[in-house]
Amino acid sequence: MSEGSAEYWFKPKRHGYGATPTHWKGWLATTGFAVLLPLVSVPWLLSLTDDTRLVGMIVWAVAMLAAVYWFTAFAKRKTDGEWVLRWNGKTYRELMEEKALEDKAKE
């Protein structure tokens, strides 16, 4: 993929923080991630015995945090825009600037 033809799988959310899938590849990645986590977690957690429970749960927790971190970083790279807090499609910075202009106009 060349720099000029970036393919985005996600777009920034209109309300809140984060992104939402807009391309079939984004939907596939999100669905795959959501299905893969329990498919790996349940057998792992059920296989723990009393002797391995603490270490096994720590390894599981670290692996889950790493997986979520990796997927979030991946989604950010594939998003058409930056992840910032938004309301009605506007960043909070833009809303605060509009509010300041309105207040200044009232004076």
C-alpha atoms as a PDB file:
ATOM      1  CA  MET A   1       0.000   0.000   0.000  1.00  0.00           C
ATOM      2  CA  SER A   2       1.525   3.323  -1.000  1.00  0.00           C
ATOM      3  CA  GLU A   3       1.341   6.441   1.131  1.00  0.00           C
ATOM      4  CA  GLY A   4      -1.094   8.175  -1.230  1.00  0.00           C
ATOM      5  CA  SER A   5      -3.638   5.335  -1.256  1.00  0.00           C
ATOM      6  CA  ALA A   6      -4.250   4.660   2.439  1.00  0.00           C
ATOM      7  CA  GLU A   7      -7.217   2.395   3.030  1.00  0.00           C
ATOM      8  CA  TYR A   8      -9.148   3.177   6.205  1.00  0.00           C
ATOM      9  CA  TRP A   9     -11.210   0.530   7.952  1.00  0.00           C
ATOM     10  CA  PHE A  10     -12.601   2.732  10.738  1.00  0.00           C
ATOM     11  CA  LYS A  11     -13.892   6.271  11.149  1.00  0.00           C
ATOM     12  CA  PRO A  12     -13.926   8.394  14.315  1.00  0.00           C
ATOM     13  CA  LYS A  13     -17.093   8.140  16.370  1.00  0.00           C
ATOM     14  CA  ARG A  14     -19.557  11.024  16.128  1.00  0.00           C
ATOM     15  CA  HIS A  15     -20.189  10.920  19.893  1.00  0.00           C
ATOM     16  CA  GLY A  16     -17.588   9.893  22.443  1.00  0.00           C
ATOM     17  CA  TYR A  17     -14.052   8.578  22.054  1.00  0.00           C
ATOM     18  CA  GLY A  18     -12.806   5.962  19.631  1.00  0.00           C
ATOM     19  CA  ALA A  19     -13.742   4.671  16.209  1.00  0.00           C
ATOM     20  CA  THR A  20     -16.333   2.501  14.514  1.00  0.00           C
ATOM     21  CA  PRO A  21     -15.848   0.080  11.603  1.00  0.00           C
ATOM     22  CA  THR A  22     -16.865   1.391   8.184  1.00  0.00           C
ATOM     23  CA  HIS A  23     -15.210  -1.109   5.855  1.00  0.00           C
ATOM     24  CA  TRP A  24     -15.845  -4.851   5.679  1.00  0.00           C
ATOM     25  CA  LYS A  25     -12.237  -5.426   6.766  1.00  0.00           C
ATOM     26  CA  GLY A  26     -12.843  -3.336   9.895  1.00  0.00           C
ATOM     27  CA  TRP A  27     -15.976  -5.290  10.705  1.00  0.00           C
ATOM     28  CA  LEU A  28     -14.129  -8.570  10.123  1.00  0.00           C
ATOM     29  CA  ALA A  29     -11.210  -7.519  12.346  1.00  0.00           C
ATOM     30  CA  THR A  30     -13.532  -6.346  15.133  1.00  0.00           C
ATOM     31  CA  THR A  31     -15.705  -9.459  14.965  1.00  0.00           C
ATOM     32  CA  GLY A  32     -12.674 -11.725  14.834  1.00  0.00           C
ATOM     33  CA  PHE A  33     -11.151 -10.011  17.859  1.00  0.00           C
ATOM     34  CA  ALA A  34     -14.413 -10.220  19.818  1.00  0.00           C
ATOM     35  CA  VAL A  35     -14.806 -13.936  18.995  1.00  0.00           C
ATOM     36  CA  LEU A  36     -11.152 -14.870  19.508  1.00  0.00           C
ATOM     37  CA  LEU A  37     -10.856 -13.509  23.055  1.00  0.00           C
ATOM     38  CA  PRO A  38     -13.445 -15.844  24.643  1.00  0.00           C
ATOM     39  CA  LEU A  39     -12.361 -18.767  22.442  1.00  0.00           C
ATOM     40  CA  VAL A  40      -8.873 -18.469  23.925  1.00  0.00           C
ATOM     41  CA  SER A  41      -9.870 -17.323  27.430  1.00  0.00           C
ATOM     42  CA  VAL A  42     -12.435 -19.944  28.381  1.00  0.00           C
ATOM     43  CA  PRO A  43     -10.291 -23.036  27.703  1.00  0.00           C
ATOM     44  CA  TRP A  44      -7.278 -21.355  29.301  1.00  0.00           C
ATOM     45  CA  LEU A  45      -9.135 -20.436  32.479  1.00  0.00           C
ATOM     46  CA  LEU A  46     -10.888 -23.823  32.707  1.00  0.00           C
ATOM     47  CA  SER A  47      -7.552 -25.642  32.410  1.00  0.00           C
ATOM     48  CA  LEU A  48      -6.135 -24.006  35.540  1.00  0.00           C
ATOM     49  CA  THR A  49      -5.733 -26.151  38.611  1.00  0.00           C
ATOM     50  CA  ASP A  50      -5.361 -25.052  42.223  1.00  0.00           C
ATOM     51  CA  ASP A  51      -1.570 -25.154  41.854  1.00  0.00           C
ATOM     52  CA  THR A  52      -1.480 -23.002  38.702  1.00  0.00           C
ATOM     53  CA  ARG A  53      -4.464 -20.737  39.294  1.00  0.00           C
ATOM     54  CA  LEU A  54      -2.690 -17.549  40.444  1.00  0.00           C
ATOM     55  CA  VAL A  55       0.089 -17.637  37.853  1.00  0.00           C
ATOM     56  CA  GLY A  56      -2.343 -18.703  35.122  1.00  0.00           C
ATOM     57  CA  MET A  57      -4.734 -15.848  35.866  1.00  0.00           C
ATOM     58  CA  ILE A  58      -1.892 -13.321  35.903  1.00  0.00           C
ATOM     59  CA  VAL A  59      -0.648 -14.615  32.538  1.00  0.00           C
ATOM     60  CA  TRP A  60      -4.213 -14.486  31.183  1.00  0.00           C
ATOM     61  CA  ALA A  61      -4.743 -10.907  32.413  1.00  0.00           C
ATOM     62  CA  VAL A  62      -1.450  -9.705  30.918  1.00  0.00           C
ATOM     63  CA  ALA A  63      -2.239 -11.445  27.619  1.00  0.00           C
ATOM     64  CA  MET A  64      -5.712  -9.883  27.469  1.00  0.00           C
ATOM     65  CA  LEU A  65      -4.344  -6.399  28.217  1.00  0.00           C
ATOM     66  CA  ALA A  66      -1.688  -6.872  25.522  1.00  0.00           C
ATOM     67  CA  ALA A  67      -4.311  -8.055  23.008  1.00  0.00           C
ATOM     68  CA  VAL A  68      -6.597  -5.088  23.707  1.00  0.00           C
ATOM     69  CA  TYR A  69      -3.637  -2.683  23.499  1.00  0.00           C
ATOM     70  CA  TRP A  70      -2.537  -4.214  20.192  1.00  0.00           C
ATOM     71  CA  PHE A  71      -6.046  -4.091  18.680  1.00  0.00           C
ATOM     72  CA  THR A  72      -6.553  -0.489  19.809  1.00  0.00           C
ATOM     73  CA  ALA A  73      -3.222   0.570  18.274  1.00  0.00           C
ATOM     74  CA  PHE A  74      -4.122  -1.295  15.078  1.00  0.00           C
ATOM     75  CA  ALA A  75      -7.551   0.372  14.899  1.00  0.00           C
ATOM     76  CA  LYS A  76      -5.986   3.811  15.455  1.00  0.00           C
ATOM     77  CA  ARG A  77      -3.610   3.229  12.525  1.00  0.00           C
ATOM     78  CA  LYS A  78      -6.541   2.212  10.306  1.00  0.00           C
ATOM     79  CA  THR A  79      -8.813   5.125  11.311  1.00  0.00           C
ATOM     80  CA  ASP A  80      -9.538   8.033   8.956  1.00  0.00           C
ATOM     81  CA  GLY A  81      -8.934  10.817  11.484  1.00  0.00           C
ATOM     82  CA  GLU A  82      -7.723  11.094  15.032  1.00  0.00           C
ATOM     83  CA  TRP A  83      -9.251   9.644  18.166  1.00  0.00           C
ATOM     84  CA  VAL A  84     -10.478  12.563  20.256  1.00  0.00           C
ATOM     85  CA  LEU A  85     -13.521  13.112  22.422  1.00  0.00           C
ATOM     86  CA  ARG A  86     -16.369  14.337  20.195  1.00  0.00           C
ATOM     87  CA  TRP A  87     -19.926  15.501  20.521  1.00  0.00           C
ATOM     88  CA  ASN A  88     -22.142  15.667  17.443  1.00  0.00           C
ATOM     89  CA  GLY A  89     -19.088  15.309  15.206  1.00  0.00           C
ATOM     90  CA  LYS A  90     -17.186  18.212  16.756  1.00  0.00           C
ATOM     91  CA  THR A  91     -14.227  17.908  19.063  1.00  0.00           C
ATOM     92  CA  TYR A  92     -14.586  19.320  22.530  1.00  0.00           C
ATOM     93  CA  ARG A  93     -11.906  21.876  21.676  1.00  0.00           C
ATOM     94  CA  GLU A  94     -14.063  23.136  18.780  1.00  0.00           C
ATOM     95  CA  LEU A  95     -17.135  23.262  21.038  1.00  0.00           C
ATOM     96  CA  MET A  96     -15.263  25.241  23.690  1.00  0.00           C
ATOM     97  CA  GLU A  97     -13.949  27.688  21.068  1.00  0.00           C
ATOM     98  CA  GLU A  98     -17.510  28.185  19.741  1.00  0.00           C
ATOM     99  CA  LYS A  99     -18.752  28.755  23.287  1.00  0.00           C
ATOM    100  CA  ALA A 100     -16.001  31.317  23.904  1.00  0.00           C
ATOM    101  CA  LEU A 101     -16.909  33.152  20.680  1.00  0.00           C
ATOM    102  CA  GLU A 102     -20.590  33.167  21.659  1.00  0.00           C
ATOM    103  CA  ASP A 103     -19.772  34.512  25.114  1.00  0.00           C
ATOM    104  CA  LYS A 104     -17.527  37.183  23.618  1.00  0.00           C
ATOM    105  CA  ALA A 105     -20.265  38.201  21.153  1.00  0.00           C
ATOM    106  CA  LYS A 106     -22.737  38.595  24.039  1.00  0.00           C
ATOM    107  CA  GLU A 107     -20.455  41.085  25.806  1.00  0.00           C
END
